[in-house]
Structures are given as structure tokens and as C-alpha cells.
């Protein structure tokens, strides 16, 4: 996959994952970063369970990336916790 395809898939997966995990987006750059990391994590997890990972820009790869993004976001929120703004 090209770099542009990874960014587009990461943006979509990061945005959907953010909406599922905490009902708000994290911002454009963070959504892209978490989406791309989520695509890698999702691909790894799916490969561990005997399924193919991210194979291109298609619906299956988007589902894999979203699952990975939700996992990454859950870990991110668990580590960062809720911060209060004074």
C-alpha cells in the first residue's frame, strides 16, 4: 500500500475508532496517527488469530484497522486517564 493509502485508511479508522472508544475525535493528526498504529496493531492481532491483516484500501482492511484503533485508543485512555482542566 502507498503512503497516501495508509494515511487515508488511518484517518478513517482513527476517526471511527475515536467515536467508538470515547465519542469524540482526538484531532486530525492524533486520529491519523492512532489509525495507522491501529491498522498495524489490528493486522498483527488478526494474523495471530489466523486471519489476513490489512491488505489494501477496502472494507475488510478498514474493519481490521478500526478494531486495532479501538484497542490502541483503549490503551491510550487507560494510560493517560482523564485529565482535568482548571
PDB file of N, CA and C in Angstrom:
ATOM      1  N   UNK A   1       0.840  -1.179   0.000  1.00  0.00           N
ATOM      2  CA  UNK A   1       0.000   0.000   0.000  1.00  0.00           C
ATOM      3  C   UNK A   1       0.881   1.237   0.000  1.00  0.00           C
ATOM      4  N   UNK A   2       0.422   2.265  -0.677  1.00  0.00           N
ATOM      5  CA  UNK A   2       1.188   3.503  -0.717  1.00  0.00           C
ATOM      6  C   UNK A   2       1.022   4.285   0.584  1.00  0.00           C
ATOM      7  N   UNK A   3       1.890   5.246   0.790  1.00  0.00           N
ATOM      8  CA  UNK A   3       1.832   6.071   1.991  1.00  0.00           C
ATOM      9  C   UNK A   3       0.512   6.839   2.062  1.00  0.00           C
ATOM     10  N   UNK A   4       0.050   7.348   0.939  1.00  0.00           N
ATOM     11  CA  UNK A   4      -1.218   8.079   0.907  1.00  0.00           C
ATOM     12  C   UNK A   4      -2.384   7.165   1.290  1.00  0.00           C
ATOM     13  N   UNK A   5      -2.354   5.926   0.835  1.00  0.00           N
ATOM     14  CA  UNK A   5      -3.420   4.975   1.179  1.00  0.00           C
ATOM     15  C   UNK A   5      -3.406   4.682   2.680  1.00  0.00           C
ATOM     16  N   UNK A   6      -2.206   4.531   3.273  1.00  0.00           N
ATOM     17  CA  UNK A   6      -2.105   4.308   4.725  1.00  0.00           C
ATOM     18  C   UNK A   6      -2.665   5.497   5.487  1.00  0.00           C
ATOM     19  N   UNK A   7      -2.370   6.720   5.019  1.00  0.00           N
ATOM     20  CA  UNK A   7      -2.859   7.918   5.698  1.00  0.00           C
ATOM     21  C   UNK A   7      -4.376   8.011   5.606  1.00  0.00           C
ATOM     22  N   UNK A   8      -4.931   7.753   4.426  1.00  0.00           N
ATOM     23  CA  UNK A   8      -6.385   7.804   4.262  1.00  0.00           C
ATOM     24  C   UNK A   8      -7.058   6.730   5.112  1.00  0.00           C
ATOM     25  N   UNK A   9      -6.559   5.514   5.055  1.00  0.00           N
ATOM     26  CA  UNK A   9      -7.118   4.433   5.867  1.00  0.00           C
ATOM     27  C   UNK A   9      -6.954   4.745   7.351  1.00  0.00           C
ATOM     28  N   UNK A  10      -5.793   5.275   7.731  1.00  0.00           N
ATOM     29  CA  UNK A  10      -5.554   5.640   9.124  1.00  0.00           C
ATOM     30  C   UNK A  10      -6.477   6.741   9.606  1.00  0.00           C
ATOM     31  N   UNK A  11      -6.731   7.733   8.768  1.00  0.00           N
ATOM     32  CA  UNK A  11      -7.637   8.819   9.142  1.00  0.00           C
ATOM     33  C   UNK A  11      -9.041   8.302   9.380  1.00  0.00           C
ATOM     34  N   UNK A  12      -9.530   7.503   8.463  1.00  0.00           N
ATOM     35  CA  UNK A  12     -10.887   6.962   8.597  1.00  0.00           C
ATOM     36  C   UNK A  12     -10.983   6.034   9.802  1.00  0.00           C
ATOM     37  N   UNK A  13     -10.020   5.129   9.935  1.00  0.00           N
ATOM     38  CA  UNK A  13     -10.039   4.187  11.065  1.00  0.00           C
ATOM     39  C   UNK A  13      -9.861   4.908  12.393  1.00  0.00           C
ATOM     40  N   UNK A  14      -8.982   5.889  12.447  1.00  0.00           N
ATOM     41  CA  UNK A  14      -8.772   6.644  13.678  1.00  0.00           C
ATOM     42  C   UNK A  14     -10.011   7.427  14.079  1.00  0.00           C
ATOM     43  N   UNK A  15     -10.688   8.028  13.106  1.00  0.00           N
ATOM     44  CA  UNK A  15     -11.906   8.786  13.395  1.00  0.00           C
ATOM     45  C   UNK A  15     -13.012   7.869  13.899  1.00  0.00           C
ATOM     46  N   UNK A  16     -13.232   6.755  13.201  1.00  0.00           N
ATOM     47  CA  UNK A  16     -14.272   5.803  13.627  1.00  0.00           C
ATOM     48  C   UNK A  16     -13.916   5.201  14.978  1.00  0.00           C
ATOM     49  N   UNK A  17     -12.657   4.837  15.166  1.00  0.00           N
ATOM     50  CA  UNK A  17     -12.213   4.284  16.450  1.00  0.00           C
ATOM     51  C   UNK A  17     -12.400   5.273  17.585  1.00  0.00           C
ATOM     52  N   UNK A  18     -12.118   6.558  17.336  1.00  0.00           N
ATOM     53  CA  UNK A  18     -12.314   7.582  18.362  1.00  0.00           C
ATOM     54  C   UNK A  18     -13.782   7.713  18.729  1.00  0.00           C
ATOM     55  N   UNK A  19     -14.650   7.646  17.738  1.00  0.00           N
ATOM     56  CA  UNK A  19     -16.088   7.737  18.005  1.00  0.00           C
ATOM     57  C   UNK A  19     -16.578   6.533  18.803  1.00  0.00           C
ATOM     58  N   UNK A  20     -16.035   5.362  18.532  1.00  0.00           N
ATOM     59  CA  UNK A  20     -16.439   4.162  19.266  1.00  0.00           C
ATOM     60  C   UNK A  20     -15.868   4.185  20.683  1.00  0.00           C
ATOM     61  N   UNK A  21     -14.601   4.538  20.817  1.00  0.00           N
ATOM     62  CA  UNK A  21     -13.922   4.440  22.109  1.00  0.00           C
ATOM     63  C   UNK A  21     -14.344   5.522  23.093  1.00  0.00           C
ATOM     64  N   UNK A  22     -14.497   6.767  22.622  1.00  0.00           N
ATOM     65  CA  UNK A  22     -14.809   7.820  23.586  1.00  0.00           C
ATOM     66  C   UNK A  22     -15.777   8.873  23.068  1.00  0.00           C
ATOM     67  N   UNK A  23     -16.410   8.647  21.949  1.00  0.00           N
ATOM     68  CA  UNK A  23     -17.468   9.501  21.420  1.00  0.00           C
ATOM     69  C   UNK A  23     -16.992  10.851  20.900  1.00  0.00           C
ATOM     70  N   UNK A  24     -15.708  11.139  20.915  1.00  0.00           N
ATOM     71  CA  UNK A  24     -15.175  12.372  20.333  1.00  0.00           C
ATOM     72  C   UNK A  24     -13.892  12.059  19.599  1.00  0.00           C
ATOM     73  N   UNK A  25     -13.585  12.851  18.606  1.00  0.00           N
ATOM     74  CA  UNK A  25     -12.320  12.697  17.913  1.00  0.00           C
ATOM     75  C   UNK A  25     -11.189  13.283  18.738  1.00  0.00           C
ATOM     76  N   UNK A  26      -9.984  12.857  18.459  1.00  0.00           N
ATOM     77  CA  UNK A  26      -8.816  13.346  19.193  1.00  0.00           C
ATOM     78  C   UNK A  26      -8.150  14.516  18.480  1.00  0.00           C
ATOM     79  N   UNK A  27      -8.574  14.824  17.287  1.00  0.00           N
ATOM     80  CA  UNK A  27      -7.913  15.824  16.450  1.00  0.00           C
ATOM     81  C   UNK A  27      -7.374  15.124  15.215  1.00  0.00           C
ATOM     82  N   UNK A  28      -7.187  15.874  14.149  1.00  0.00           N
ATOM     83  CA  UNK A  28      -6.825  15.283  12.866  1.00  0.00           C
ATOM     84  C   UNK A  28      -5.519  14.491  12.930  1.00  0.00           C
ATOM     85  N   UNK A  29      -4.459  15.088  13.436  1.00  0.00           N
ATOM     86  CA  UNK A  29      -3.163  14.395  13.460  1.00  0.00           C
ATOM     87  C   UNK A  29      -3.167  13.191  14.387  1.00  0.00           C
ATOM     88  N   UNK A  30      -3.776  13.329  15.558  1.00  0.00           N
ATOM     89  CA  UNK A  30      -3.821  12.207  16.503  1.00  0.00           C
ATOM     90  C   UNK A  30      -4.691  11.087  15.942  1.00  0.00           C
ATOM     91  N   UNK A  31      -5.823  11.438  15.294  1.00  0.00           N
ATOM     92  CA  UNK A  31      -6.663  10.420  14.666  1.00  0.00           C
ATOM     93  C   UNK A  31      -5.906   9.658  13.589  1.00  0.00           C
ATOM     94  N   UNK A  32      -5.141  10.369  12.758  1.00  0.00           N
ATOM     95  CA  UNK A  32      -4.355   9.704  11.714  1.00  0.00           C
ATOM     96  C   UNK A  32      -3.303   8.802  12.344  1.00  0.00           C
ATOM     97  N   UNK A  33      -2.578   9.328  13.318  1.00  0.00           N
ATOM     98  CA  UNK A  33      -1.517   8.546  13.960  1.00  0.00           C
ATOM     99  C   UNK A  33      -2.083   7.300  14.636  1.00  0.00           C
ATOM    100  N   UNK A  34      -3.140   7.470  15.432  1.00  0.00           N
ATOM    101  CA  UNK A  34      -3.738   6.315  16.114  1.00  0.00           C
ATOM    102  C   UNK A  34      -4.368   5.341  15.120  1.00  0.00           C
ATOM    103  N   UNK A  35      -4.905   5.867  14.027  1.00  0.00           N
ATOM    104  CA  UNK A  35      -5.476   4.991  12.999  1.00  0.00           C
ATOM    105  C   UNK A  35      -4.423   4.145  12.304  1.00  0.00           C
ATOM    106  N   UNK A  36      -3.295   4.756  11.962  1.00  0.00           N
ATOM    107  CA  UNK A  36      -2.213   3.998  11.313  1.00  0.00           C
ATOM    108  C   UNK A  36      -1.628   2.982  12.279  1.00  0.00           C
ATOM    109  N   UNK A  37      -1.384   3.408  13.526  1.00  0.00           N
ATOM    110  CA  UNK A  37      -0.894   2.465  14.541  1.00  0.00           C
ATOM    111  C   UNK A  37      -1.935   1.369  14.768  1.00  0.00           C
ATOM    112  N   UNK A  38      -3.213   1.771  14.786  1.00  0.00           N
ATOM    113  CA  UNK A  38      -4.294   0.796  14.946  1.00  0.00           C
ATOM    114  C   UNK A  38      -4.350  -0.197  13.798  1.00  0.00           C
ATOM    115  N   UNK A  39      -4.081   0.266  12.578  1.00  0.00           N
ATOM    116  CA  UNK A  39      -4.058  -0.641  11.427  1.00  0.00           C
ATOM    117  C   UNK A  39      -2.952  -1.678  11.590  1.00  0.00           C
ATOM    118  N   UNK A  40      -1.801  -1.245  12.064  1.00  0.00           N
ATOM    119  CA  UNK A  40      -0.682  -2.181  12.285  1.00  0.00           C
ATOM    120  C   UNK A  40      -1.030  -3.156  13.404  1.00  0.00           C
ATOM    121  N   UNK A  41      -1.564  -2.629  14.517  1.00  0.00           N
ATOM    122  CA  UNK A  41      -1.940  -3.487  15.648  1.00  0.00           C
ATOM    123  C   UNK A  41      -3.055  -4.442  15.241  1.00  0.00           C
ATOM    124  N   UNK A  42      -4.061  -3.925  14.534  1.00  0.00           N
ATOM    125  CA  UNK A  42      -5.160  -4.774  14.073  1.00  0.00           C
ATOM    126  C   UNK A  42      -4.673  -5.866  13.135  1.00  0.00           C
ATOM    127  N   UNK A  43      -3.766  -5.506  12.217  1.00  0.00           N
ATOM    128  CA  UNK A  43      -3.194  -6.506  11.313  1.00  0.00           C
ATOM    129  C   UNK A  43      -2.433  -7.583  12.074  1.00  0.00           C
ATOM    130  N   UNK A  44      -1.669  -7.169  13.086  1.00  0.00           N
ATOM    131  CA  UNK A  44      -0.939  -8.128  13.917  1.00  0.00           C
ATOM    132  C   UNK A  44      -1.904  -9.048  14.666  1.00  0.00           C
ATOM    133  N   UNK A  45      -2.929  -8.455  15.292  1.00  0.00           N
ATOM    134  CA  UNK A  45      -3.891  -9.259  16.055  1.00  0.00           C
ATOM    135  C   UNK A  45      -4.646 -10.233  15.159  1.00  0.00           C
ATOM    136  N   UNK A  46      -5.075  -9.761  14.001  1.00  0.00           N
ATOM    137  CA  UNK A  46      -5.802 -10.646  13.094  1.00  0.00           C
ATOM    138  C   UNK A  46      -4.899 -11.768  12.592  1.00  0.00           C
ATOM    139  N   UNK A  47      -3.626 -11.469  12.324  1.00  0.00           N
ATOM    140  CA  UNK A  47      -2.685 -12.512  11.902  1.00  0.00           C
ATOM    141  C   UNK A  47      -2.475 -13.542  13.000  1.00  0.00           C
ATOM    142  N   UNK A  48      -2.471 -13.117  14.261  1.00  0.00           N
ATOM    143  CA  UNK A  48      -2.306 -14.047  15.375  1.00  0.00           C
ATOM    144  C   UNK A  48      -3.476 -15.022  15.475  1.00  0.00           C
ATOM    145  N   UNK A  49      -4.651 -14.572  15.038  1.00  0.00           N
ATOM    146  CA  UNK A  49      -5.836 -15.437  15.069  1.00  0.00           C
ATOM    147  C   UNK A  49      -6.089 -16.135  13.739  1.00  0.00           C
ATOM    148  N   UNK A  50      -5.100 -16.099  12.833  1.00  0.00           N
ATOM    149  CA  UNK A  50      -5.196 -16.851  11.589  1.00  0.00           C
ATOM    150  C   UNK A  50      -5.955 -16.161  10.476  1.00  0.00           C
ATOM    151  N   UNK A  51      -6.225 -14.891  10.608  1.00  0.00           N
ATOM    152  CA  UNK A  51      -6.934 -14.143   9.572  1.00  0.00           C
ATOM    153  C   UNK A  51      -5.958 -13.195   8.884  1.00  0.00           C
ATOM    154  N   UNK A  52      -6.240 -12.819   7.637  1.00  0.00           N
ATOM    155  CA  UNK A  52      -5.353 -11.850   6.976  1.00  0.00           C
ATOM    156  C   UNK A  52      -5.490 -10.471   7.604  1.00  0.00           C
ATOM    157  N   UNK A  53      -4.412  -9.712   7.569  1.00  0.00           N
ATOM    158  CA  UNK A  53      -4.422  -8.360   8.124  1.00  0.00           C
ATOM    159  C   UNK A  53      -4.863  -7.352   7.082  1.00  0.00           C
ATOM    160  N   UNK A  54      -4.306  -6.175   7.148  1.00  0.00           N
ATOM    161  CA  UNK A  54      -4.637  -5.104   6.210  1.00  0.00           C
ATOM    162  C   UNK A  54      -4.054  -5.453   4.850  1.00  0.00           C
ATOM    163  N   UNK A  55      -4.918  -5.457   3.827  1.00  0.00           N
ATOM    164  CA  UNK A  55      -4.480  -5.877   2.500  1.00  0.00           C
ATOM    165  C   UNK A  55      -4.619  -4.794   1.447  1.00  0.00           C
ATOM    166  N   UNK A  56      -5.117  -3.656   1.798  1.00  0.00           N
ATOM    167  CA  UNK A  56      -5.309  -2.564   0.852  1.00  0.00           C
ATOM    168  C   UNK A  56      -6.431  -1.670   1.359  1.00  0.00           C
ATOM    169  N   UNK A  57      -6.862  -0.771   0.529  1.00  0.00           N
ATOM    170  CA  UNK A  57      -7.962   0.104   0.924  1.00  0.00           C
ATOM    171  C   UNK A  57      -9.268  -0.572   0.505  1.00  0.00           C
ATOM    172  N   UNK A  58      -9.835  -1.325   1.430  1.00  0.00           N
ATOM    173  CA  UNK A  58     -11.113  -1.990   1.198  1.00  0.00           C
ATOM    174  C   UNK A  58     -11.848  -2.103   2.532  1.00  0.00           C
ATOM    175  N   UNK A  59     -13.061  -2.606   2.506  1.00  0.00           N
ATOM    176  CA  UNK A  59     -13.882  -2.651   3.710  1.00  0.00           C
ATOM    177  C   UNK A  59     -13.284  -3.561   4.776  1.00  0.00           C
ATOM    178  N   UNK A  60     -12.752  -4.707   4.384  1.00  0.00           N
ATOM    179  CA  UNK A  60     -12.154  -5.632   5.352  1.00  0.00           C
ATOM    180  C   UNK A  60     -10.972  -4.976   6.067  1.00  0.00           C
ATOM    181  N   UNK A  61     -10.106  -4.315   5.304  1.00  0.00           N
ATOM    182  CA  UNK A  61      -8.953  -3.647   5.909  1.00  0.00           C
ATOM    183  C   UNK A  61      -9.393  -2.524   6.833  1.00  0.00           C
ATOM    184  N   UNK A  62     -10.470  -1.841   6.481  1.00  0.00           N
ATOM    185  CA  UNK A  62     -10.993  -0.786   7.338  1.00  0.00           C
ATOM    186  C   UNK A  62     -11.483  -1.362   8.656  1.00  0.00           C
ATOM    187  N   UNK A  63     -12.158  -2.514   8.612  1.00  0.00           N
ATOM    188  CA  UNK A  63     -12.624  -3.166   9.841  1.00  0.00           C
ATOM    189  C   UNK A  63     -11.435  -3.578  10.699  1.00  0.00           C
ATOM    190  N   UNK A  64     -10.411  -4.143  10.085  1.00  0.00           N
ATOM    191  CA  UNK A  64      -9.198  -4.536  10.812  1.00  0.00           C
ATOM    192  C   UNK A  64      -8.559  -3.311  11.462  1.00  0.00           C
ATOM    193  N   UNK A  65      -8.450  -2.222  10.709  1.00  0.00           N
ATOM    194  CA  UNK A  65      -7.830  -1.004  11.228  1.00  0.00           C
ATOM    195  C   UNK A  65      -8.658  -0.386  12.348  1.00  0.00           C
ATOM    196  N   UNK A  66      -9.976  -0.417  12.225  1.00  0.00           N
ATOM    197  CA  UNK A  66     -10.840   0.145  13.270  1.00  0.00           C
ATOM    198  C   UNK A  66     -10.723  -0.677  14.549  1.00  0.00           C
ATOM    199  N   UNK A  67     -10.703  -1.994  14.432  1.00  0.00           N
ATOM    200  CA  UNK A  67     -10.530  -2.843  15.618  1.00  0.00           C
ATOM    201  C   UNK A  67      -9.201  -2.519  16.287  1.00  0.00           C
ATOM    202  N   UNK A  68      -8.145  -2.398  15.499  1.00  0.00           N
ATOM    203  CA  UNK A  68      -6.847  -2.038  16.054  1.00  0.00           C
ATOM    204  C   UNK A  68      -6.845  -0.649  16.670  1.00  0.00           C
ATOM    205  N   UNK A  69      -7.530   0.305  16.033  1.00  0.00           N
ATOM    206  CA  UNK A  69      -7.591   1.668  16.566  1.00  0.00           C
ATOM    207  C   UNK A  69      -8.337   1.706  17.897  1.00  0.00           C
ATOM    208  N   UNK A  70      -9.401   0.913  18.026  1.00  0.00           N
ATOM    209  CA  UNK A  70     -10.133   0.861  19.293  1.00  0.00           C
ATOM    210  C   UNK A  70      -9.242   0.272  20.383  1.00  0.00           C
ATOM    211  N   UNK A  71      -8.467  -0.751  20.049  1.00  0.00           N
ATOM    212  CA  UNK A  71      -7.539  -1.338  21.026  1.00  0.00           C
ATOM    213  C   UNK A  71      -6.491  -0.301  21.436  1.00  0.00           C
ATOM    214  N   UNK A  72      -5.902   0.384  20.449  1.00  0.00           N
ATOM    215  CA  UNK A  72      -4.880   1.397  20.743  1.00  0.00           C
ATOM    216  C   UNK A  72      -5.480   2.536  21.555  1.00  0.00           C
ATOM    217  N   UNK A  73      -6.679   3.000  21.195  1.00  0.00           N
ATOM    218  CA  UNK A  73      -7.322   4.078  21.941  1.00  0.00           C
ATOM    219  C   UNK A  73      -7.669   3.664  23.363  1.00  0.00           C
ATOM    220  N   UNK A  74      -8.084   2.431  23.551  1.00  0.00           N
ATOM    221  CA  UNK A  74      -8.390   1.952  24.900  1.00  0.00           C
ATOM    222  C   UNK A  74      -7.138   1.962  25.767  1.00  0.00           C
ATOM    223  N   UNK A  75      -6.027   1.517  25.202  1.00  0.00           N
ATOM    224  CA  UNK A  75      -4.762   1.545  25.934  1.00  0.00           C
ATOM    225  C   UNK A  75      -4.329   2.990  26.180  1.00  0.00           C
ATOM    226  N   UNK A  76      -4.485   3.850  25.171  1.00  0.00           N
ATOM    227  CA  UNK A  76      -4.127   5.263  25.300  1.00  0.00           C
ATOM    228  C   UNK A  76      -4.904   5.929  26.431  1.00  0.00           C
ATOM    229  N   UNK A  77      -6.220   5.692  26.479  1.00  0.00           N
ATOM    230  CA  UNK A  77      -7.047   6.305  27.521  1.00  0.00           C
ATOM    231  C   UNK A  77      -6.745   5.700  28.900  1.00  0.00           C
ATOM    232  N   UNK A  78      -6.421   4.428  28.947  1.00  0.00           N
ATOM    233  CA  UNK A  78      -6.090   3.803  30.227  1.00  0.00           C
ATOM    234  C   UNK A  78      -4.786   4.382  30.784  1.00  0.00           C
ATOM    235  N   UNK A  79      -3.828   4.638  29.908  1.00  0.00           N
ATOM    236  CA  UNK A  79      -2.549   5.182  30.354  1.00  0.00           C
ATOM    237  C   UNK A  79      -2.625   6.674  30.667  1.00  0.00           C
ATOM    238  N   UNK A  80      -3.366   7.414  29.860  1.00  0.00           N
ATOM    239  CA  UNK A  80      -3.436   8.864  30.036  1.00  0.00           C
ATOM    240  C   UNK A  80      -4.449   9.265  31.103  1.00  0.00           C
ATOM    241  N   UNK A  81      -5.489   8.466  31.284  1.00  0.00           N
ATOM    242  CA  UNK A  81      -6.522   8.789  32.263  1.00  0.00           C
ATOM    243  C   UNK A  81      -7.279  10.043  31.864  1.00  0.00           C
ATOM    244  N   UNK A  82      -8.174  10.430  32.704  1.00  0.00           N
ATOM    245  CA  UNK A  82      -8.938  11.661  32.449  1.00  0.00           C
ATOM    246  C   UNK A  82      -8.215  12.817  33.125  1.00  0.00           C
ATOM    247  N   UNK A  83      -7.917  13.827  32.350  1.00  0.00           N
ATOM    248  CA  UNK A  83      -7.234  14.987  32.882  1.00  0.00           C
ATOM    249  C   UNK A  83      -8.236  16.115  33.081  1.00  0.00           C
ATOM    250  N   UNK A  84      -8.112  16.776  34.189  1.00  0.00           N
ATOM    251  CA  UNK A  84      -8.997  17.892  34.493  1.00  0.00           C
ATOM    252  C   UNK A  84      -8.332  19.193  34.086  1.00  0.00           C
ATOM    253  N   UNK A  85      -9.112  20.045  33.491  1.00  0.00           N
ATOM    254  CA  UNK A  85      -8.631  21.363  33.104  1.00  0.00           C
ATOM    255  C   UNK A  85      -9.149  22.364  34.120  1.00  0.00           C
ATOM    256  N   UNK A  86      -8.255  23.150  34.704  1.00  0.00           N
ATOM    257  CA  UNK A  86      -8.666  24.126  35.702  1.00  0.00           C
ATOM    258  C   UNK A  86      -9.121  25.400  35.069  1.00  0.00           C
TER     259      UNK A  86
END
